[in-house]
Amino acid sequence: MSEREGLIARIRQIRRSGATTQRRAGATVQPNSDAMRALEDRVADLEQLVQGLQDSVHREALRHDKRLAQVEAQIHPAALAEALSRDARERGL
């Protein structure tokens, strides 16, 4: 077999396998509408869960920010000096 005939044979083989694949792809079963609705409902439920989680994380972040601001205010040099002075007076040092 010549080189040309070998190329032609390979091209024919590729075309045949492509045609077979296209026939198989065309014969795929359409998804059941009930199954699609169930999936859409499940996705909607999951979206609500994610939104709830995002809200919860946001609220927790706000609480942490507020607490951090309180701690920073307590260790501010002026506030710290005042607290130490008050403590020394109360203990009689």
PDB file of N, CA and C in Angstrom:
ATOM      1  N   MET A   1       0.857  -1.162   0.000  1.00  0.00           N
ATOM      2  CA  MET A   1       0.000   0.000   0.000  1.00  0.00           C
ATOM      3  C   MET A   1       0.902   1.223   0.000  1.00  0.00           C
ATOM      4  N   SER A   2       0.558   2.168  -0.866  1.00  0.00           N
ATOM      5  CA  SER A   2       1.371   3.378  -0.960  1.00  0.00           C
ATOM      6  C   SER A   2       1.044   4.321   0.197  1.00  0.00           C
ATOM      7  N   GLU A   3       1.877   5.316   0.327  1.00  0.00           N
ATOM      8  CA  GLU A   3       1.670   6.308   1.398  1.00  0.00           C
ATOM      9  C   GLU A   3       0.348   7.026   1.229  1.00  0.00           C
ATOM     10  N   ARG A   4       0.019   7.311  -0.023  1.00  0.00           N
ATOM     11  CA  ARG A   4      -1.239   8.007  -0.309  1.00  0.00           C
ATOM     12  C   ARG A   4      -2.435   7.154   0.071  1.00  0.00           C
ATOM     13  N   GLU A   5      -2.414   5.911  -0.265  1.00  0.00           N
ATOM     14  CA  GLU A   5      -3.525   5.013   0.065  1.00  0.00           C
ATOM     15  C   GLU A   5      -3.661   4.848   1.583  1.00  0.00           C
ATOM     16  N   GLY A   6      -2.529   4.835   2.282  1.00  0.00           N
ATOM     17  CA  GLY A   6      -2.568   4.744   3.744  1.00  0.00           C
ATOM     18  C   GLY A   6      -3.236   5.968   4.355  1.00  0.00           C
ATOM     19  N   LEU A   7      -2.910   7.143   3.821  1.00  0.00           N
ATOM     20  CA  LEU A   7      -3.535   8.374   4.303  1.00  0.00           C
ATOM     21  C   LEU A   7      -5.038   8.358   4.060  1.00  0.00           C
ATOM     22  N   ILE A   8      -5.424   7.928   2.868  1.00  0.00           N
ATOM     23  CA  ILE A   8      -6.854   7.875   2.534  1.00  0.00           C
ATOM     24  C   ILE A   8      -7.576   6.899   3.457  1.00  0.00           C
ATOM     25  N   ALA A   9      -6.967   5.769   3.735  1.00  0.00           N
ATOM     26  CA  ALA A   9      -7.585   4.781   4.627  1.00  0.00           C
ATOM     27  C   ALA A   9      -7.748   5.360   6.035  1.00  0.00           C
ATOM     28  N   ARG A  10      -6.747   6.063   6.528  1.00  0.00           N
ATOM     29  CA  ARG A  10      -6.855   6.669   7.857  1.00  0.00           C
ATOM     30  C   ARG A  10      -7.939   7.745   7.896  1.00  0.00           C
ATOM     31  N   ILE A  11      -8.022   8.540   6.831  1.00  0.00           N
ATOM     32  CA  ILE A  11      -9.059   9.581   6.776  1.00  0.00           C
ATOM     33  C   ILE A  11     -10.440   8.942   6.771  1.00  0.00           C
ATOM     34  N   ARG A  12     -10.626   7.883   6.018  1.00  0.00           N
ATOM     35  CA  ARG A  12     -11.918   7.195   6.001  1.00  0.00           C
ATOM     36  C   ARG A  12     -12.263   6.631   7.376  1.00  0.00           C
ATOM     37  N   GLN A  13     -11.263   6.064   8.041  1.00  0.00           N
ATOM     38  CA  GLN A  13     -11.491   5.501   9.369  1.00  0.00           C
ATOM     39  C   GLN A  13     -11.904   6.590  10.356  1.00  0.00           C
ATOM     40  N   ILE A  14     -11.244   7.736  10.284  1.00  0.00           N
ATOM     41  CA  ILE A  14     -11.584   8.853  11.175  1.00  0.00           C
ATOM     42  C   ILE A  14     -12.989   9.346  10.891  1.00  0.00           C
ATOM     43  N   ARG A  15     -13.347   9.437   9.606  1.00  0.00           N
ATOM     44  CA  ARG A  15     -14.697   9.898   9.253  1.00  0.00           C
ATOM     45  C   ARG A  15     -15.761   8.931   9.749  1.00  0.00           C
ATOM     46  N   ARG A  16     -15.483   7.632   9.610  1.00  0.00           N
ATOM     47  CA  ARG A  16     -16.457   6.631  10.073  1.00  0.00           C
ATOM     48  C   ARG A  16     -16.653   6.721  11.584  1.00  0.00           C
ATOM     49  N   SER A  17     -15.564   6.831  12.310  1.00  0.00           N
ATOM     50  CA  SER A  17     -15.695   6.907  13.773  1.00  0.00           C
ATOM     51  C   SER A  17     -16.390   8.209  14.183  1.00  0.00           C
ATOM     52  N   GLY A  18     -16.155   9.299  13.452  1.00  0.00           N
ATOM     53  CA  GLY A  18     -16.838  10.557  13.733  1.00  0.00           C
ATOM     54  C   GLY A  18     -18.319  10.460  13.461  1.00  0.00           C
ATOM     55  N   ALA A  19     -18.708   9.792  12.386  1.00  0.00           N
ATOM     56  CA  ALA A  19     -20.125   9.631  12.057  1.00  0.00           C
ATOM     57  C   ALA A  19     -20.812   8.768  13.109  1.00  0.00           C
ATOM     58  N   THR A  20     -20.134   7.746  13.576  1.00  0.00           N
ATOM     59  CA  THR A  20     -20.701   6.885  14.611  1.00  0.00           C
ATOM     60  C   THR A  20     -20.905   7.670  15.898  1.00  0.00           C
ATOM     61  N   THR A  21     -19.926   8.490  16.247  1.00  0.00           N
ATOM     62  CA  THR A  21     -20.033   9.309  17.456  1.00  0.00           C
ATOM     63  C   THR A  21     -21.187  10.290  17.330  1.00  0.00           C
ATOM     64  N   GLN A  22     -21.358  10.890  16.159  1.00  0.00           N
ATOM     65  CA  GLN A  22     -22.455  11.843  15.962  1.00  0.00           C
ATOM     66  C   GLN A  22     -23.807  11.143  16.076  1.00  0.00           C
ATOM     67  N   ARG A  23     -23.915   9.922  15.554  1.00  0.00           N
ATOM     68  CA  ARG A  23     -25.178   9.194  15.671  1.00  0.00           C
ATOM     69  C   ARG A  23     -25.487   8.887  17.134  1.00  0.00           C
ATOM     70  N   ARG A  24     -24.455   8.506  17.880  1.00  0.00           N
ATOM     71  CA  ARG A  24     -24.657   8.219  19.303  1.00  0.00           C
ATOM     72  C   ARG A  24     -25.061   9.482  20.064  1.00  0.00           C
ATOM     73  N   ALA A  25     -24.428  10.609  19.735  1.00  0.00           N
ATOM     74  CA  ALA A  25     -24.736  11.869  20.421  1.00  0.00           C
ATOM     75  C   ALA A  25     -26.158  12.309  20.115  1.00  0.00           C
ATOM     76  N   GLY A  26     -26.632  12.065  18.893  1.00  0.00           N
ATOM     77  CA  GLY A  26     -27.991  12.444  18.526  1.00  0.00           C
ATOM     78  C   GLY A  26     -29.034  11.586  19.195  1.00  0.00           C
ATOM     79  N   ALA A  27     -28.655  10.408  19.635  1.00  0.00           N
ATOM     80  CA  ALA A  27     -29.597   9.478  20.238  1.00  0.00           C
ATOM     81  C   ALA A  27     -29.644   9.599  21.758  1.00  0.00           C
ATOM     82  N   THR A  28     -29.042  10.636  22.297  1.00  0.00           N
ATOM     83  CA  THR A  28     -29.051  10.764  23.758  1.00  0.00           C
ATOM     84  C   THR A  28     -30.460  11.039  24.247  1.00  0.00           C
ATOM     85  N   VAL A  29     -30.730  10.611  25.440  1.00  0.00           N
ATOM     86  CA  VAL A  29     -32.048  10.757  26.039  1.00  0.00           C
ATOM     87  C   VAL A  29     -32.176  12.164  26.621  1.00  0.00           C
ATOM     88  N   GLN A  30     -33.305  12.786  26.356  1.00  0.00           N
ATOM     89  CA  GLN A  30     -33.570  14.106  26.898  1.00  0.00           C
ATOM     90  C   GLN A  30     -33.846  13.966  28.395  1.00  0.00           C
ATOM     91  N   PRO A  31     -33.365  14.912  29.203  1.00  0.00           N
ATOM     92  CA  PRO A  31     -33.570  14.809  30.641  1.00  0.00           C
ATOM     93  C   PRO A  31     -35.046  14.906  31.002  1.00  0.00           C
ATOM     94  N   ASN A  32     -35.421  14.204  32.017  1.00  0.00           N
ATOM     95  CA  ASN A  32     -36.794  14.186  32.495  1.00  0.00           C
ATOM     96  C   ASN A  32     -37.121  15.549  33.109  1.00  0.00           C
ATOM     97  N   SER A  33     -38.258  16.102  32.760  1.00  0.00           N
ATOM     98  CA  SER A  33     -38.610  17.431  33.271  1.00  0.00           C
ATOM     99  C   SER A  33     -38.806  17.412  34.784  1.00  0.00           C
ATOM    100  N   ASP A  34     -39.311  16.301  35.332  1.00  0.00           N
ATOM    101  CA  ASP A  34     -39.460  16.201  36.785  1.00  0.00           C
ATOM    102  C   ASP A  34     -38.094  16.208  37.462  1.00  0.00           C
ATOM    103  N   ALA A  35     -37.148  15.524  36.860  1.00  0.00           N
ATOM    104  CA  ALA A  35     -35.795  15.497  37.417  1.00  0.00           C
ATOM    105  C   ALA A  35     -35.174  16.891  37.343  1.00  0.00           C
ATOM    106  N   MET A  36     -35.424  17.590  36.259  1.00  0.00           N
ATOM    107  CA  MET A  36     -34.900  18.956  36.120  1.00  0.00           C
ATOM    108  C   MET A  36     -35.504  19.870  37.176  1.00  0.00           C
ATOM    109  N   ARG A  37     -36.811  19.749  37.401  1.00  0.00           N
ATOM    110  CA  ARG A  37     -37.457  20.569  38.422  1.00  0.00           C
ATOM    111  C   ARG A  37     -36.889  20.261  39.813  1.00  0.00           C
ATOM    112  N   ALA A  38     -36.661  18.989  40.066  1.00  0.00           N
ATOM    113  CA  ALA A  38     -36.098  18.606  41.363  1.00  0.00           C
ATOM    114  C   ALA A  38     -34.699  19.199  41.527  1.00  0.00           C
ATOM    115  N   LEU A  39     -33.915  19.163  40.459  1.00  0.00           N
ATOM    116  CA  LEU A  39     -32.578  19.752  40.525  1.00  0.00           C
ATOM    117  C   LEU A  39     -32.639  21.264  40.718  1.00  0.00           C
ATOM    118  N   GLU A  40     -33.546  21.919  40.007  1.00  0.00           N
ATOM    119  CA  GLU A  40     -33.699  23.375  40.161  1.00  0.00           C
ATOM    120  C   GLU A  40     -34.125  23.726  41.582  1.00  0.00           C
ATOM    121  N   ASP A  41     -35.030  22.934  42.152  1.00  0.00           N
ATOM    122  CA  ASP A  41     -35.455  23.172  43.543  1.00  0.00           C
ATOM    123  C   ASP A  41     -34.280  22.984  44.494  1.00  0.00           C
ATOM    124  N   ARG A  42     -33.489  21.946  44.252  1.00  0.00           N
ATOM    125  CA  ARG A  42     -32.335  21.688  45.116  1.00  0.00           C
ATOM    126  C   ARG A  42     -31.320  22.826  45.022  1.00  0.00           C
ATOM    127  N   VAL A  43     -31.091  23.323  43.812  1.00  0.00           N
ATOM    128  CA  VAL A  43     -30.163  24.446  43.637  1.00  0.00           C
ATOM    129  C   VAL A  43     -30.693  25.683  44.348  1.00  0.00           C
ATOM    130  N   ALA A  44     -31.990  25.920  44.266  1.00  0.00           N
ATOM    131  CA  ALA A  44     -32.585  27.072  44.968  1.00  0.00           C
ATOM    132  C   ALA A  44     -32.399  26.927  46.473  1.00  0.00           C
ATOM    133  N   ASP A  45     -32.609  25.714  47.002  1.00  0.00           N
ATOM    134  CA  ASP A  45     -32.393  25.484  48.436  1.00  0.00           C
ATOM    135  C   ASP A  45     -30.934  25.731  48.817  1.00  0.00           C
ATOM    136  N   LEU A  46     -30.025  25.254  47.989  1.00  0.00           N
ATOM    137  CA  LEU A  46     -28.604  25.452  48.275  1.00  0.00           C
ATOM    138  C   LEU A  46     -28.220  26.927  48.227  1.00  0.00           C
ATOM    139  N   GLU A  47     -28.816  27.670  47.299  1.00  0.00           N
ATOM    140  CA  GLU A  47     -28.544  29.106  47.230  1.00  0.00           C
ATOM    141  C   GLU A  47     -29.019  29.802  48.506  1.00  0.00           C
ATOM    142  N   GLN A  48     -30.169  29.397  49.022  1.00  0.00           N
ATOM    143  CA  GLN A  48     -30.667  29.983  50.274  1.00  0.00           C
ATOM    144  C   GLN A  48     -29.729  29.650  51.433  1.00  0.00           C
ATOM    145  N   LEU A  49     -29.227  28.422  51.468  1.00  0.00           N
ATOM    146  CA  LEU A  49     -28.279  28.042  52.515  1.00  0.00           C
ATOM    147  C   LEU A  49     -27.003  28.872  52.439  1.00  0.00           C
ATOM    148  N   VAL A  50     -26.515  29.085  51.228  1.00  0.00           N
ATOM    149  CA  VAL A  50     -25.297  29.874  51.049  1.00  0.00           C
ATOM    150  C   VAL A  50     -25.538  31.314  51.493  1.00  0.00           C
ATOM    151  N   GLN A  51     -26.689  31.878  51.142  1.00  0.00           N
ATOM    152  CA  GLN A  51     -26.993  33.239  51.569  1.00  0.00           C
ATOM    153  C   GLN A  51     -27.077  33.334  53.089  1.00  0.00           C
ATOM    154  N   GLY A  52     -27.683  32.342  53.728  1.00  0.00           N
ATOM    155  CA  GLY A  52     -27.748  32.317  55.185  1.00  0.00           C
ATOM    156  C   GLY A  52     -26.357  32.234  55.798  1.00  0.00           C
ATOM    157  N   LEU A  53     -25.506  31.415  55.202  1.00  0.00           N
ATOM    158  CA  LEU A  53     -24.131  31.297  55.686  1.00  0.00           C
ATOM    159  C   LEU A  53     -23.380  32.611  55.526  1.00  0.00           C
ATOM    160  N   GLN A  54     -23.562  33.268  54.394  1.00  0.00           N
ATOM    161  CA  GLN A  54     -22.909  34.559  54.174  1.00  0.00           C
ATOM    162  C   GLN A  54     -23.372  35.584  55.206  1.00  0.00           C
ATOM    163  N   ASP A  55     -24.664  35.609  55.486  1.00  0.00           N
ATOM    164  CA  ASP A  55     -25.195  36.541  56.494  1.00  0.00           C
ATOM    165  C   ASP A  55     -24.599  36.245  57.863  1.00  0.00           C
ATOM    166  N   SER A  56     -24.528  34.975  58.208  1.00  0.00           N
ATOM    167  CA  SER A  56     -23.976  34.582  59.503  1.00  0.00           C
ATOM    168  C   SER A  56     -22.504  34.973  59.617  1.00  0.00           C
ATOM    169  N   VAL A  57     -21.748  34.731  58.568  1.00  0.00           N
ATOM    170  CA  VAL A  57     -20.325  35.094  58.578  1.00  0.00           C
ATOM    171  C   VAL A  57     -20.170  36.604  58.701  1.00  0.00           C
ATOM    172  N   HIS A  58     -21.025  37.360  58.013  1.00  0.00           N
ATOM    173  CA  HIS A  58     -20.961  38.817  58.073  1.00  0.00           C
ATOM    174  C   HIS A  58     -21.253  39.313  59.494  1.00  0.00           C
ATOM    175  N   ARG A  59     -22.300  38.763  60.113  1.00  0.00           N
ATOM    176  CA  ARG A  59     -22.628  39.176  61.485  1.00  0.00           C
ATOM    177  C   ARG A  59     -21.485  38.840  62.443  1.00  0.00           C
ATOM    178  N   GLU A  60     -20.904  37.673  62.287  1.00  0.00           N
ATOM    179  CA  GLU A  60     -19.793  37.277  63.155  1.00  0.00           C
ATOM    180  C   GLU A  60     -18.583  38.185  62.944  1.00  0.00           C
ATOM    181  N   ALA A  61     -18.324  38.555  61.699  1.00  0.00           N
ATOM    182  CA  ALA A  61     -17.210  39.467  61.416  1.00  0.00           C
ATOM    183  C   ALA A  61     -17.453  40.827  62.062  1.00  0.00           C
ATOM    184  N   LEU A  62     -18.695  41.305  62.024  1.00  0.00           N
ATOM    185  CA  LEU A  62     -19.021  42.576  62.678  1.00  0.00           C
ATOM    186  C   LEU A  62     -18.805  42.492  64.184  1.00  0.00           C
ATOM    187  N   ARG A  63     -19.210  41.362  64.793  1.00  0.00           N
ATOM    188  CA  ARG A  63     -18.991  41.185  66.236  1.00  0.00           C
ATOM    189  C   ARG A  63     -17.499  41.188  66.574  1.00  0.00           C
ATOM    190  N   HIS A  64     -16.714  40.498  65.761  1.00  0.00           N
ATOM    191  CA  HIS A  64     -15.272  40.472  66.000  1.00  0.00           C
ATOM    192  C   HIS A  64     -14.653  41.853  65.831  1.00  0.00           C
ATOM    193  N   ASP A  65     -15.096  42.588  64.828  1.00  0.00           N
ATOM    194  CA  ASP A  65     -14.583  43.946  64.622  1.00  0.00           C
ATOM    195  C   ASP A  65     -14.900  44.839  65.819  1.00  0.00           C
ATOM    196  N   LYS A  66     -16.121  44.718  66.336  1.00  0.00           N
ATOM    197  CA  LYS A  66     -16.519  45.536  67.483  1.00  0.00           C
ATOM    198  C   LYS A  66     -15.682  45.174  68.707  1.00  0.00           C
ATOM    199  N   ARG A  67     -15.497  43.884  68.941  1.00  0.00           N
ATOM    200  CA  ARG A  67     -14.703  43.437  70.087  1.00  0.00           C
ATOM    201  C   ARG A  67     -13.248  43.874  69.940  1.00  0.00           C
ATOM    202  N   LEU A  68     -12.703  43.780  68.759  1.00  0.00           N
ATOM    203  CA  LEU A  68     -11.325  44.206  68.515  1.00  0.00           C
ATOM    204  C   LEU A  68     -11.171  45.703  68.757  1.00  0.00           C
ATOM    205  N   ALA A  69     -12.161  46.479  68.348  1.00  0.00           N
ATOM    206  CA  ALA A  69     -12.119  47.921  68.579  1.00  0.00           C
ATOM    207  C   ALA A  69     -12.137  48.219  70.077  1.00  0.00           C
ATOM    208  N   GLN A  70     -12.921  47.455  70.838  1.00  0.00           N
ATOM    209  CA  GLN A  70     -12.960  47.643  72.291  1.00  0.00           C
ATOM    210  C   GLN A  70     -11.604  47.331  72.917  1.00  0.00           C
ATOM    211  N   VAL A  71     -10.992  46.227  72.494  1.00  0.00           N
ATOM    212  CA  VAL A  71      -9.688  45.847  73.038  1.00  0.00           C
ATOM    213  C   VAL A  71      -8.631  46.890  72.674  1.00  0.00           C
ATOM    214  N   GLU A  72      -8.663  47.371  71.444  1.00  0.00           N
ATOM    215  CA  GLU A  72      -7.701  48.398  71.033  1.00  0.00           C
ATOM    216  C   GLU A  72      -7.874  49.672  71.853  1.00  0.00           C
ATOM    217  N   ALA A  73      -9.122  50.015  72.149  1.00  0.00           N
ATOM    218  CA  ALA A  73      -9.366  51.210  72.962  1.00  0.00           C
ATOM    219  C   ALA A  73      -8.824  51.020  74.382  1.00  0.00           C
ATOM    220  N   GLN A  74      -8.900  49.796  74.888  1.00  0.00           N
ATOM    221  CA  GLN A  74      -8.408  49.530  76.230  1.00  0.00           C
ATOM    222  C   GLN A  74      -6.887  49.566  76.315  1.00  0.00           C
ATOM    223  N   ILE A  75      -6.222  49.186  75.241  1.00  0.00           N
ATOM    224  CA  ILE A  75      -4.755  49.173  75.300  1.00  0.00           C
ATOM    225  C   ILE A  75      -4.136  50.424  74.686  1.00  0.00           C
ATOM    226  N   HIS A  76      -4.971  51.383  74.350  1.00  0.00           N
ATOM    227  CA  HIS A  76      -4.465  52.664  73.861  1.00  0.00           C
ATOM    228  C   HIS A  76      -3.624  53.271  74.988  1.00  0.00           C
ATOM    229  N   PRO A  77      -2.473  53.850  74.692  1.00  0.00           N
ATOM    230  CA  PRO A  77      -1.577  54.326  75.752  1.00  0.00           C
ATOM    231  C   PRO A  77      -2.248  55.201  76.807  1.00  0.00           C
ATOM    232  N   ALA A  78      -3.086  56.131  76.401  1.00  0.00           N
ATOM    233  CA  ALA A  78      -3.736  57.008  77.382  1.00  0.00           C
ATOM    234  C   ALA A  78      -4.690  56.217  78.263  1.00  0.00           C
ATOM    235  N   ALA A  79      -5.470  55.341  77.661  1.00  0.00           N
ATOM    236  CA  ALA A  79      -6.421  54.543  78.429  1.00  0.00           C
ATOM    237  C   ALA A  79      -5.690  53.569  79.339  1.00  0.00           C
ATOM    238  N   LEU A  80      -4.595  53.001  78.848  1.00  0.00           N
ATOM    239  CA  LEU A  80      -3.815  52.067  79.650  1.00  0.00           C
ATOM    240  C   LEU A  80      -3.185  52.777  80.845  1.00  0.00           C
ATOM    241  N   ALA A  81      -2.647  53.964  80.627  1.00  0.00           N
ATOM    242  CA  ALA A  81      -2.042  54.736  81.723  1.00  0.00           C
ATOM    243  C   ALA A  81      -3.090  55.086  82.776  1.00  0.00           C
ATOM    244  N   GLU A  82      -4.269  55.471  82.321  1.00  0.00           N
ATOM    245  CA  GLU A  82      -5.345  55.803  83.257  1.00  0.00           C
ATOM    246  C   GLU A  82      -5.753  54.583  84.077  1.00  0.00           C
ATOM    247  N   ALA A  83      -5.879  53.430  83.429  1.00  0.00           N
ATOM    248  CA  ALA A  83      -6.268  52.206  84.133  1.00  0.00           C
ATOM    249  C   ALA A  83      -5.202  51.793  85.135  1.00  0.00           C
ATOM    250  N   LEU A  84      -3.934  51.910  84.766  1.00  0.00           N
ATOM    251  CA  LEU A  84      -2.853  51.570  85.698  1.00  0.00           C
ATOM    252  C   LEU A  84      -2.828  52.520  86.898  1.00  0.00           C
ATOM    253  N   SER A  85      -3.049  53.786  86.646  1.00  0.00           N
ATOM    254  CA  SER A  85      -3.069  54.776  87.717  1.00  0.00           C
ATOM    255  C   SER A  85      -4.215  54.500  88.676  1.00  0.00           C
ATOM    256  N   ARG A  86      -5.379  54.223  88.131  1.00  0.00           N
ATOM    257  CA  ARG A  86      -6.553  53.928  88.956  1.00  0.00           C
ATOM    258  C   ARG A  86      -6.310  52.673  89.788  1.00  0.00           C
ATOM    259  N   ASP A  87      -5.727  51.642  89.164  1.00  0.00           N
ATOM    260  CA  ASP A  87      -5.432  50.404  89.871  1.00  0.00           C
ATOM    261  C   ASP A  87      -4.432  50.647  91.003  1.00  0.00           C
ATOM    262  N   ALA A  88      -3.436  51.467  90.744  1.00  0.00           N
ATOM    263  CA  ALA A  88      -2.436  51.766  91.782  1.00  0.00           C
ATOM    264  C   ALA A  88      -3.077  52.501  92.950  1.00  0.00           C
ATOM    265  N   ARG A  89      -3.984  53.439  92.669  1.00  0.00           N
ATOM    266  CA  ARG A  89      -4.675  54.173  93.740  1.00  0.00           C
ATOM    267  C   ARG A  89      -5.549  53.231  94.564  1.00  0.00           C
ATOM    268  N   GLU A  90      -6.264  52.334  93.882  1.00  0.00           N
ATOM    269  CA  GLU A  90      -7.162  51.410  94.571  1.00  0.00           C
ATOM    270  C   GLU A  90      -6.392  50.421  95.440  1.00  0.00           C
ATOM    271  N   ARG A  91      -5.236  49.998  95.028  1.00  0.00           N
ATOM    272  CA  ARG A  91      -4.432  49.038  95.783  1.00  0.00           C
ATOM    273  C   ARG A  91      -3.558  49.736  96.820  1.00  0.00           C
ATOM    274  N   GLY A  92      -3.464  51.042  96.692  1.00  0.00           N
ATOM    275  CA  GLY A  92      -2.656  51.789  97.649  1.00  0.00           C
ATOM    276  C   GLY A  92      -1.168  51.684  97.384  1.00  0.00           C
ATOM    277  N   LEU A  93      -0.810  51.569  96.124  1.00  0.00           N
ATOM    278  CA  LEU A  93       0.619  51.475  95.800  1.00  0.00           C
ATOM    279  C   LEU A  93       1.232  52.812  95.623  1.00  0.00           C
TER     280      LEU A  93
END
